[in-house]
Protein backbone atom coordinates (compact mmCIF):
# COMPACT_ATOMS: atom_id res chain seq x y z
CA UNK A 1 -3.10 42.78 -4.01
CA UNK A 2 -5.77 40.62 -2.36
CA UNK A 3 -5.51 38.00 -5.11
CA UNK A 4 -1.72 38.06 -4.82
CA UNK A 5 -1.73 37.59 -1.05
CA UNK A 6 -4.28 34.78 -1.13
CA UNK A 7 -2.40 33.11 -3.98
CA UNK A 8 0.81 33.20 -1.96
CA UNK A 9 -0.96 31.79 1.11
CA UNK A 10 -2.42 28.92 -0.92
CA UNK A 11 0.94 28.25 -2.56
CA UNK A 12 2.61 28.02 0.85
CA UNK A 13 -0.05 25.67 2.17
CA UNK A 14 0.11 23.46 -0.93
CA UNK A 15 3.88 23.40 -0.62
CA UNK A 16 3.49 22.33 3.00
CA UNK A 17 1.13 19.53 1.96
CA UNK A 18 3.48 18.39 -0.81
CA UNK A 19 6.45 18.53 1.56
CA UNK A 20 4.53 16.55 4.17
CA UNK A 21 3.61 13.91 1.55
CA UNK A 22 7.24 13.70 0.44
CA UNK A 23 8.39 13.38 4.04
CA UNK A 24 5.81 10.65 4.63
CA UNK A 25 7.11 8.69 1.63
CA UNK A 26 10.68 9.05 2.89
CA UNK A 27 9.70 7.91 6.39
CA UNK A 28 7.84 4.94 4.94
CA UNK A 29 10.93 3.99 2.91
CA UNK A 30 13.10 4.24 6.04
CA UNK A 31 10.72 2.07 8.05
CA UNK A 32 10.69 -0.50 5.22
CA UNK A 33 14.50 -0.51 5.20
CA UNK A 34 14.57 -1.05 8.97
CA UNK A 35 12.08 -3.93 8.72
CA UNK A 36 14.09 -5.64 5.97
CA UNK A 37 17.30 -5.17 7.96
CA UNK A 38 15.66 -6.76 11.00
CA UNK A 39 14.40 -9.68 8.91
CA UNK A 40 17.87 -10.36 7.50
CA UNK A 41 19.47 -10.06 10.94
CA UNK A 42 16.94 -12.58 12.28
CA UNK A 43 17.89 -14.99 9.50
CA UNK A 44 21.56 -14.65 10.49
CA UNK A 45 20.63 -15.47 14.10
CA UNK A 46 18.58 -18.47 12.92
CA UNK A 47 21.57 -19.69 10.91
CA UNK A 48 23.89 -19.37 13.89
CA UNK A 49 21.43 -20.91 16.35
CA UNK A 50 20.59 -23.91 14.18
CA UNK A 51 24.22 -24.54 13.30
CA UNK A 52 25.34 -24.30 16.93
CA UNK A 53 22.59 -26.67 18.08
CA UNK A 54 23.62 -29.21 15.45
CA UNK A 55 27.32 -28.97 16.31
CA UNK A 56 26.55 -29.54 19.99
CA UNK A 57 23.98 -32.31 19.65
CA UNK A 58 24.74 -33.85 16.21
CA UNK A 59 20.95 -34.09 15.74
CA UNK A 60 19.57 -33.25 12.29
CA UNK A 61 16.35 -31.70 13.60
CA UNK A 62 18.37 -28.78 14.94
CA UNK A 63 19.25 -27.90 11.33
CA UNK A 64 15.64 -27.10 10.39
CA UNK A 65 15.89 -23.35 11.20
CA UNK A 66 19.38 -23.34 9.66
CA UNK A 67 18.11 -24.83 6.41
CA UNK A 68 15.09 -22.49 6.31
CA UNK A 69 17.28 -19.44 6.94
CA UNK A 70 19.82 -20.58 4.36
CA UNK A 71 17.05 -20.98 1.75
CA UNK A 72 15.47 -17.58 2.53
CA UNK A 73 18.66 -15.53 2.95
CA UNK A 74 19.45 -14.82 -0.78
CA UNK A 75 15.99 -13.38 -1.48
CA UNK A 76 15.95 -11.48 1.82
CA UNK A 77 19.44 -10.11 1.09
CA UNK A 78 18.22 -8.77 -2.26
CA UNK A 79 15.21 -7.11 -0.65
CA UNK A 80 17.44 -5.68 2.04
CA UNK A 81 19.85 -4.17 -0.49
CA UNK A 82 17.06 -2.84 -2.73
CA UNK A 83 15.39 -0.95 0.14
CA UNK A 84 18.54 1.02 1.06
CA UNK A 85 17.63 4.70 1.10
CA UNK A 86 21.00 6.27 0.27
CA UNK A 87 24.27 5.38 -1.48
CA UNK A 88 26.03 5.08 1.88
CA UNK A 89 23.32 2.77 3.22
CA UNK A 90 23.49 0.71 0.03
CA UNK A 91 27.26 0.36 0.47
CA UNK A 92 26.79 -0.91 4.04
CA UNK A 93 23.95 -3.18 2.90
CA UNK A 94 26.17 -4.71 0.23
CA UNK A 95 28.91 -5.27 2.81
CA UNK A 96 26.40 -7.01 5.05
CA UNK A 97 25.04 -9.23 2.27
CA UNK A 98 28.58 -10.23 1.32
CA UNK A 99 29.26 -11.02 4.97
CA UNK A 100 26.10 -13.14 5.19
CA UNK A 101 27.05 -14.97 2.01
CA UNK A 102 30.55 -15.62 3.39
CA UNK A 103 29.10 -16.79 6.71
CA UNK A 104 26.89 -19.31 4.94
CA UNK A 105 29.19 -20.58 2.18
CA UNK A 106 32.66 -20.15 3.70
CA UNK A 107 31.93 -21.11 7.28
CA UNK A 108 28.53 -22.52 8.16
CA UNK A 109 28.04 -25.01 5.31
CA UNK A 110 31.62 -26.43 5.56
CA UNK A 111 31.27 -26.68 9.34
CA UNK A 112 28.00 -28.61 9.10
CA UNK A 113 29.48 -30.93 6.49
CA UNK A 114 32.54 -31.50 8.69
CA UNK A 115 30.31 -32.41 11.65
CA UNK A 116 28.38 -34.82 9.47
CA UNK A 117 31.65 -36.47 8.43
CA UNK A 118 32.60 -36.82 12.10
CA UNK A 119 35.58 -34.47 11.84
CA UNK A 120 36.66 -33.80 15.47
CA UNK A 121 38.07 -30.40 14.49
CA UNK A 122 34.52 -29.22 13.72
CA UNK A 123 33.69 -29.08 17.45
CA UNK A 124 36.94 -27.34 18.35
CA UNK A 125 36.70 -24.05 20.21
CA UNK A 126 38.51 -22.33 17.33
CA UNK A 127 35.73 -23.26 14.91
CA UNK A 128 32.95 -22.05 17.21
CA UNK A 129 34.88 -18.88 18.06
CA UNK A 130 35.22 -18.12 14.34
CA UNK A 131 31.44 -18.37 13.96
CA UNK A 132 30.87 -16.04 16.92
CA UNK A 133 33.35 -13.56 15.50
CA UNK A 134 31.60 -13.52 12.14
CA UNK A 135 28.13 -13.14 13.66
CA UNK A 136 29.33 -10.38 16.02
CA UNK A 137 30.86 -8.52 13.06
CA UNK A 138 27.60 -8.79 11.12
CA UNK A 139 25.56 -7.60 14.11
CA UNK A 140 27.86 -4.58 14.44
CA UNK A 141 27.25 -3.77 10.77
CA UNK A 142 23.51 -4.19 11.26
CA UNK A 143 23.68 -1.83 14.24
CA UNK A 144 25.54 0.74 12.16
CA UNK A 145 23.02 0.40 9.31
CA UNK A 146 20.06 0.75 11.70
CA UNK A 147 21.61 3.72 13.52
CA UNK A 148 22.26 5.49 10.20
CA UNK A 149 18.71 4.82 9.02
CA UNK A 150 17.18 6.06 12.27
CA UNK A 151 19.35 9.15 12.06
CA UNK A 152 18.15 9.84 8.53
CA UNK A 153 14.55 9.24 9.62
CA UNK A 154 14.91 11.68 12.53
CA UNK A 155 16.48 14.27 10.22
CA UNK A 156 13.62 13.93 7.75
CA UNK A 157 11.04 14.33 10.51
CA UNK A 158 12.83 17.41 11.87
CA UNK A 159 12.99 18.94 8.40
CA UNK A 160 9.32 18.22 7.75
CA UNK A 161 8.35 19.77 11.08
CA UNK A 162 10.44 22.88 10.43
CA UNK A 163 8.98 23.24 6.93
CA UNK A 164 5.48 22.84 8.31
CA UNK A 165 6.07 25.52 10.92
CA UNK A 166 7.54 27.89 8.34
CA UNK A 167 4.55 27.22 6.09
CA UNK A 168 2.11 27.97 8.89
CA UNK A 169 3.96 31.18 9.79
CA UNK A 170 4.09 32.31 6.15
CA UNK A 171 0.43 31.46 5.61
CA UNK A 172 -0.51 33.29 8.81
CA UNK A 173 1.32 36.44 7.70
CA UNK A 174 -0.36 36.30 4.31
CA UNK A 175 -3.77 35.75 5.83
CA UNK A 176 -3.33 38.61 8.29
CA UNK A 177 -2.55 41.00 5.44
CA UNK A 178 -5.47 39.63 3.46
CA UNK A 179 -7.79 40.24 6.40
CA UNK A 180 -6.93 43.93 6.36
CA UNK A 181 -7.92 44.16 2.67
CA UNK A 182 -10.99 41.93 3.00
CA UNK A 183 -12.33 44.30 5.68
CA UNK A 184 -13.32 46.65 2.85
CA UNK A 185 -15.48 44.04 1.19
CA UNK A 186 -18.87 42.64 2.10
CA UNK A 187 -19.60 40.22 4.94
CA UNK A 188 -20.34 37.52 2.35
CA UNK A 189 -16.88 37.83 0.86
CA UNK A 190 -15.41 37.77 4.35
CA UNK A 191 -17.19 34.54 5.22
CA UNK A 192 -16.50 32.91 1.86
CA UNK A 193 -12.75 33.49 1.75
CA UNK A 194 -11.06 34.55 4.95
CA UNK A 195 -12.60 32.19 7.48
CA UNK A 196 -12.00 29.02 5.47
CA UNK A 197 -8.37 29.94 4.87
CA UNK A 198 -7.88 30.67 8.56
CA UNK A 199 -9.39 27.30 9.35
CA UNK A 200 -6.97 25.65 6.92
CA UNK A 201 -4.01 27.38 8.57
CA UNK A 202 -5.19 26.29 12.04
CA UNK A 203 -5.68 22.72 10.81
CA UNK A 204 -2.19 22.75 9.31
CA UNK A 205 -0.79 23.93 12.65
CA UNK A 206 -2.63 21.14 14.50
CA UNK A 207 -1.45 18.60 11.95
CA UNK A 208 2.14 19.81 12.31
CA UNK A 209 1.69 19.42 16.08
CA UNK A 210 0.79 15.74 15.69
CA UNK A 211 -3.05 15.85 15.69
CA UNK A 212 -3.70 13.55 12.72
CA UNK A 213 -7.45 13.53 13.43
CA UNK A 214 -7.87 17.17 12.34
CA UNK A 215 -9.98 17.75 9.21
CA UNK A 216 -10.93 20.81 7.14
CA UNK A 217 -14.64 21.40 6.66
CA UNK A 218 -15.93 21.42 3.05
CA UNK A 219 -16.05 24.82 1.35
CA UNK A 220 -18.12 26.16 -1.54
CA UNK A 221 -15.09 28.05 -2.84
CA UNK A 222 -13.50 25.77 -5.42
CA UNK A 223 -9.86 26.42 -4.54
CA UNK A 224 -10.41 26.13 -0.81
CA UNK A 225 -12.52 23.04 -1.30
CA UNK A 226 -9.72 21.40 -3.30
CA UNK A 227 -7.20 22.39 -0.65
CA UNK A 228 -9.39 20.97 2.09
CA UNK A 229 -9.92 17.72 0.20
CA UNK A 230 -6.17 17.32 -0.34
CA UNK A 231 -5.47 18.16 3.29
CA UNK A 232 -8.11 15.75 4.56
CA UNK A 233 -6.84 12.99 2.26
CA UNK A 234 -3.30 13.54 3.48
CA UNK A 235 -4.35 13.61 7.14
CA UNK A 236 -6.43 10.45 6.72
CA UNK A 237 -3.51 8.76 4.96
CA UNK A 238 -1.12 9.71 7.76
CA UNK A 239 -3.57 8.55 10.42
CA UNK A 240 -4.17 5.25 8.66
CA UNK A 241 -0.44 4.73 8.19
CA UNK A 242 0.23 5.32 11.89
CA UNK A 243 -2.56 2.92 12.86
CA UNK A 244 -1.27 0.23 10.49
CA UNK A 245 2.26 0.62 11.82
CA UNK A 246 1.04 0.32 15.41
CA UNK A 247 -1.12 -2.71 14.57
CA UNK A 248 1.86 -4.28 12.78
CA UNK A 249 4.05 -3.71 15.83
CA UNK A 250 1.40 -5.22 18.11
CA UNK A 251 1.12 -8.23 15.78
CA UNK A 252 4.88 -8.72 15.91
CA UNK A 253 4.74 -8.50 19.72
CA UNK A 254 1.97 -11.10 19.87
CA UNK A 255 3.80 -13.42 17.49
CA UNK A 256 7.09 -13.02 19.32
CA UNK A 257 5.52 -13.74 22.72
CA UNK A 258 3.66 -16.75 21.32
CA UNK A 259 6.81 -18.11 19.69
CA UNK A 260 8.76 -17.71 22.93
CA UNK A 261 6.04 -19.49 24.89
CA UNK A 262 5.43 -22.30 22.39
CA UNK A 263 9.04 -22.75 21.33
CA UNK A 264 11.95 -21.90 23.59
CA UNK A 265 9.98 -22.11 26.84
CA UNK A 266 8.64 -25.59 26.04
CA UNK A 267 12.11 -26.78 25.08
CA UNK A 268 13.46 -25.51 28.40
CA UNK A 269 10.67 -27.26 30.27
CA UNK A 270 11.49 -30.51 28.47
CA UNK A 271 15.16 -30.00 29.28
CA UNK A 272 14.42 -29.49 32.98
CA UNK A 273 12.23 -32.60 33.10
CA UNK A 274 15.04 -34.58 31.50
CA UNK A 275 17.52 -33.23 34.01
CA UNK A 276 15.26 -34.18 36.91
CA UNK A 277 14.84 -37.70 35.56
CA UNK A 278 18.59 -37.96 35.15
CA UNK A 279 19.03 -36.74 38.74
CA UNK A 280 16.78 -39.49 40.02
CA UNK A 281 18.87 -42.08 38.18
CA UNK A 282 22.17 -40.92 39.69
CA UNK A 283 22.87 -42.42 43.15
CA UNK A 284 23.72 -40.16 46.06
CA UNK A 285 27.09 -41.86 46.22
CA UNK A 286 28.14 -39.69 43.26
CA UNK A 287 28.22 -36.25 44.89
CA UNK A 288 29.93 -34.50 41.98
CA UNK A 289 27.36 -35.67 39.45
CA UNK A 290 24.38 -34.95 41.72
CA UNK A 291 25.68 -31.47 42.52
CA UNK A 292 26.15 -30.70 38.83
CA UNK A 293 22.66 -31.97 38.00
CA UNK A 294 21.08 -29.99 40.85
CA UNK A 295 22.81 -26.83 39.65
CA UNK A 296 21.71 -27.49 36.06
CA UNK A 297 18.09 -27.99 37.20
CA UNK A 298 18.20 -24.70 39.12
CA UNK A 299 19.70 -22.90 36.09
CA UNK A 300 17.02 -24.35 33.81
CA UNK A 301 14.25 -23.21 36.19
CA UNK A 302 15.77 -19.71 36.33
CA UNK A 303 15.90 -19.59 32.53
CA UNK A 304 12.25 -20.67 32.31
CA UNK A 305 11.19 -17.96 34.79
CA UNK A 306 13.19 -15.28 32.99
CA UNK A 307 11.83 -16.33 29.59
CA UNK A 308 8.27 -16.35 30.91
CA UNK A 309 8.74 -12.83 32.33
CA UNK A 310 10.27 -11.66 29.04
CA UNK A 311 7.39 -13.04 26.98
CA UNK A 312 4.88 -11.43 29.35
CA UNK A 313 6.60 -8.07 28.98
CA UNK A 314 6.52 -8.26 25.18
CA UNK A 315 2.87 -9.31 24.98
CA UNK A 316 1.09 -10.93 27.93
CA UNK A 317 -0.42 -14.33 27.21
CA UNK A 318 -3.41 -13.58 29.43
CA UNK A 319 -4.36 -10.72 27.07
CA UNK A 320 -4.60 -13.13 24.14
CA UNK A 321 -6.39 -15.87 26.08
CA UNK A 322 -8.74 -14.00 28.45
CA UNK A 323 -8.96 -10.45 27.14
CA UNK A 324 -8.41 -6.90 28.31
CA UNK A 325 -10.01 -6.95 31.78
CA UNK A 326 -8.19 -10.10 32.89
CA UNK A 327 -4.90 -8.76 31.56
CA UNK A 328 -5.32 -5.46 33.40
CA UNK A 329 -6.16 -7.30 36.64
CA UNK A 330 -3.04 -9.43 36.19
CA UNK A 331 -1.01 -6.25 35.61
CA UNK A 332 -2.43 -4.70 38.78
CA UNK A 333 -1.63 -7.81 40.82
CA UNK A 334 2.04 -7.48 39.81
CA UNK A 335 2.25 -3.72 40.38
CA UNK A 336 4.68 -2.48 43.04
CA UNK A 337 2.07 0.06 44.18
CA UNK A 338 -1.35 -1.21 45.40
CA UNK A 339 -3.68 -1.01 42.40
CA UNK A 340 -7.46 -1.53 42.28
CA UNK A 341 -9.27 -2.41 39.04
CA UNK A 342 -12.97 -1.73 38.40
CA UNK A 343 -14.74 -2.76 35.22
CA UNK A 344 -18.35 -2.84 34.05
CA UNK A 345 -17.78 -5.45 31.33
CA UNK A 346 -15.98 -8.73 30.78
CA UNK A 347 -16.64 -9.47 27.09
CA UNK A 348 -14.00 -9.44 24.38
CA UNK A 349 -13.52 -6.46 22.09
CA UNK A 350 -11.52 -6.25 18.82
CA UNK A 351 -7.95 -7.50 19.31
CA UNK A 352 -6.34 -4.30 18.02
CA UNK A 353 -8.29 -2.18 20.50
CA UNK A 354 -7.60 -4.67 23.33
CA UNK A 355 -3.84 -4.60 22.85
CA UNK A 356 -3.77 -0.83 22.37
CA UNK A 357 -5.88 -0.27 25.50
CA UNK A 358 -3.77 -2.68 27.57
CA UNK A 359 -0.54 -0.90 26.73
CA UNK A 360 -2.17 2.48 27.46
CA UNK A 361 -2.97 1.20 30.96
CA UNK A 362 0.49 -0.35 31.31
CA UNK A 363 2.24 2.89 30.32
CA UNK A 364 0.06 4.98 32.64
CA UNK A 365 0.69 2.61 35.57
CA UNK A 366 4.43 2.57 34.84
CA UNK A 367 4.54 6.39 34.86
CA UNK A 368 2.66 6.46 38.17
CA UNK A 369 5.02 3.94 39.77
CA UNK A 370 8.20 5.60 38.49
CA UNK A 371 7.41 9.30 38.84
CA UNK A 372 4.28 9.98 40.90
CA UNK A 373 5.44 8.70 44.34
CA UNK A 374 1.92 7.31 44.70
CA UNK A 375 0.68 4.93 47.37
CA UNK A 376 -2.47 3.85 45.46
CA UNK A 377 -3.55 3.54 41.84
CA UNK A 378 -7.18 3.20 40.74
CA UNK A 379 -7.95 1.78 37.28
CA UNK A 380 -11.43 1.79 35.76
CA UNK A 381 -12.60 0.35 32.43
CA UNK A 382 -16.00 1.30 31.04
CA UNK A 383 -17.42 0.07 27.74
CA UNK A 384 -20.18 1.81 25.83
CA UNK A 385 -20.01 3.38 22.39
CA UNK A 386 -16.38 4.00 23.28
CA UNK A 387 -13.93 2.27 25.59
CA UNK A 388 -13.16 4.62 28.48
CA UNK A 389 -9.94 4.05 30.45
CA UNK A 390 -9.25 6.01 33.62
CA UNK A 391 -6.03 5.69 35.63
CA UNK A 392 -5.88 7.75 38.85
CA UNK A 393 -3.01 7.97 41.34
CA UNK A 394 -2.63 9.92 44.58
CA UNK A 395 0.93 11.03 43.84
CA UNK A 396 2.62 14.40 43.62
CA UNK A 397 0.88 15.49 40.39
CA UNK A 398 2.20 18.48 38.50
CA UNK A 399 2.50 16.74 35.14
CA UNK A 400 3.06 19.44 32.52
CA UNK A 401 3.36 19.30 28.78
CA UNK A 402 4.96 16.02 27.78
CA UNK A 403 8.27 16.39 25.93
CA UNK A 404 8.81 14.47 22.72
CA UNK A 405 9.70 10.87 23.33
CA UNK A 406 8.23 10.74 26.84
CA UNK A 407 5.79 8.13 28.07
CA UNK A 408 2.87 10.57 27.89
CA UNK A 409 3.69 11.30 24.25
CA UNK A 410 3.56 7.56 23.60
CA UNK A 411 0.15 7.41 25.28
CA UNK A 412 -1.14 10.25 23.10
CA UNK A 413 0.18 8.58 19.95
CA UNK A 414 -1.42 5.24 20.84
CA UNK A 415 -4.81 6.79 21.51
CA UNK A 416 -4.71 9.12 18.48
CA UNK A 417 -3.84 6.21 16.18
CA UNK A 418 -7.31 4.76 16.92
CA UNK A 419 -9.20 8.08 16.62
CA UNK A 420 -9.30 8.38 20.42
CA UNK A 421 -8.76 11.26 22.81
CA UNK A 422 -6.46 11.60 25.81
CA UNK A 423 -7.03 13.96 28.74
CA UNK A 424 -4.58 14.51 31.61
CA UNK A 425 -5.43 16.32 34.85
CA UNK A 426 -2.52 16.73 37.22
CA UNK A 427 -2.68 19.66 39.66
CA UNK A 428 0.47 19.99 41.83
CA UNK A 429 0.04 17.86 44.95
CA UNK A 430 -3.34 16.55 43.78
CA UNK A 431 -2.38 13.35 42.00
CA UNK A 432 -2.78 12.59 38.31
CA UNK A 433 -5.83 11.45 36.34
CA UNK A 434 -5.36 10.04 32.85
CA UNK A 435 -8.53 9.55 30.82
CA UNK A 436 -8.42 7.82 27.42
CA UNK A 437 -11.45 7.31 25.17
CA UNK A 438 -11.05 4.89 22.25
CA UNK A 439 -13.90 4.26 19.77
CA UNK A 440 -14.96 0.64 19.26
CA UNK A 441 -15.14 -0.29 15.54
CA UNK A 442 -18.60 -1.33 14.41
């Protein structure tokens, strides 16, 4: 009976591990599909942007992104279709790729050729409206594809969580019955079998709860040792995958912010300078022209300010140029609630840790501003063997367990992805203290 119960418990745990690995593979496939969909959608936007700029200006340099997107789109469309995770998603993907092909060959290329020939109909509102209609239709299909994929991903995660909980419950029942039988054996047998299996069940429960840093200690019992090695390998793989995904997202944020700053923002600045020079050339005796130029200059300045704010929200330039401490001080200077920053270092640390730490501070400050009703926020950064981040507000406190999807859950995920720890103290009426400790890679 003892052998049977332990065998069942091990089988349940191994099934949970296999199910978790399968779920991880499915989630990875879904994330790959979403990335490829985003890449293809970006190419469609590049096609439309380059074509529109050429139609308006008749300048060939505006066709550079159009030509690059046109060259890349067939290969990207194949990758997009191949990564579809279900027959329905593949059907939508094929519809999208046909729509992209039609946009390029039936509309965009003929339109560009017509503009080059000097056909006046190419600049007609009907032609541009047709392009907008096609792009809007494609974006709607992309939205449907992405929504379906995210729904499938959420369903897989829910199923994996439910299976993990059922596995933990089943293993716990089996282990409880085994404990009653093991009580008749020697203390050595008790220590060699029951305790390690209990530890494995507890580790599985913590893993199912999102603690990817949990590990099972080595065991001299062959079966338990193999189980622990498999569990630890799986947990390490999940933790590494989450870290790589977060680092990839941060890299995309940095690249996007840099591209906005070095590309669109500089073009807008050049445009505004040109408008100001044109304004100086127009005499005041032409009130209609001067009024139009003044309004255009104001609109260009507004666009520059909005683009600069957008780029800063995606990934602040000061973080890339001056590092974590300067970026946090800049964040505090723009905070709606008075915020004080204290730091015992000013040197640079690894970029991945810098960006992760900055967004931990940003999320904590945002939560304090939105929910804490605080009148002061204190931020401290201390660097030793680990980077210690402390954000304290004097608000209403009373922060309980964070529901899934909340800002505090995001904080925990960010810190856990880098093997860090997060502690929250929030007595009712006593403010909230958030302490994050992130190891610094050697």
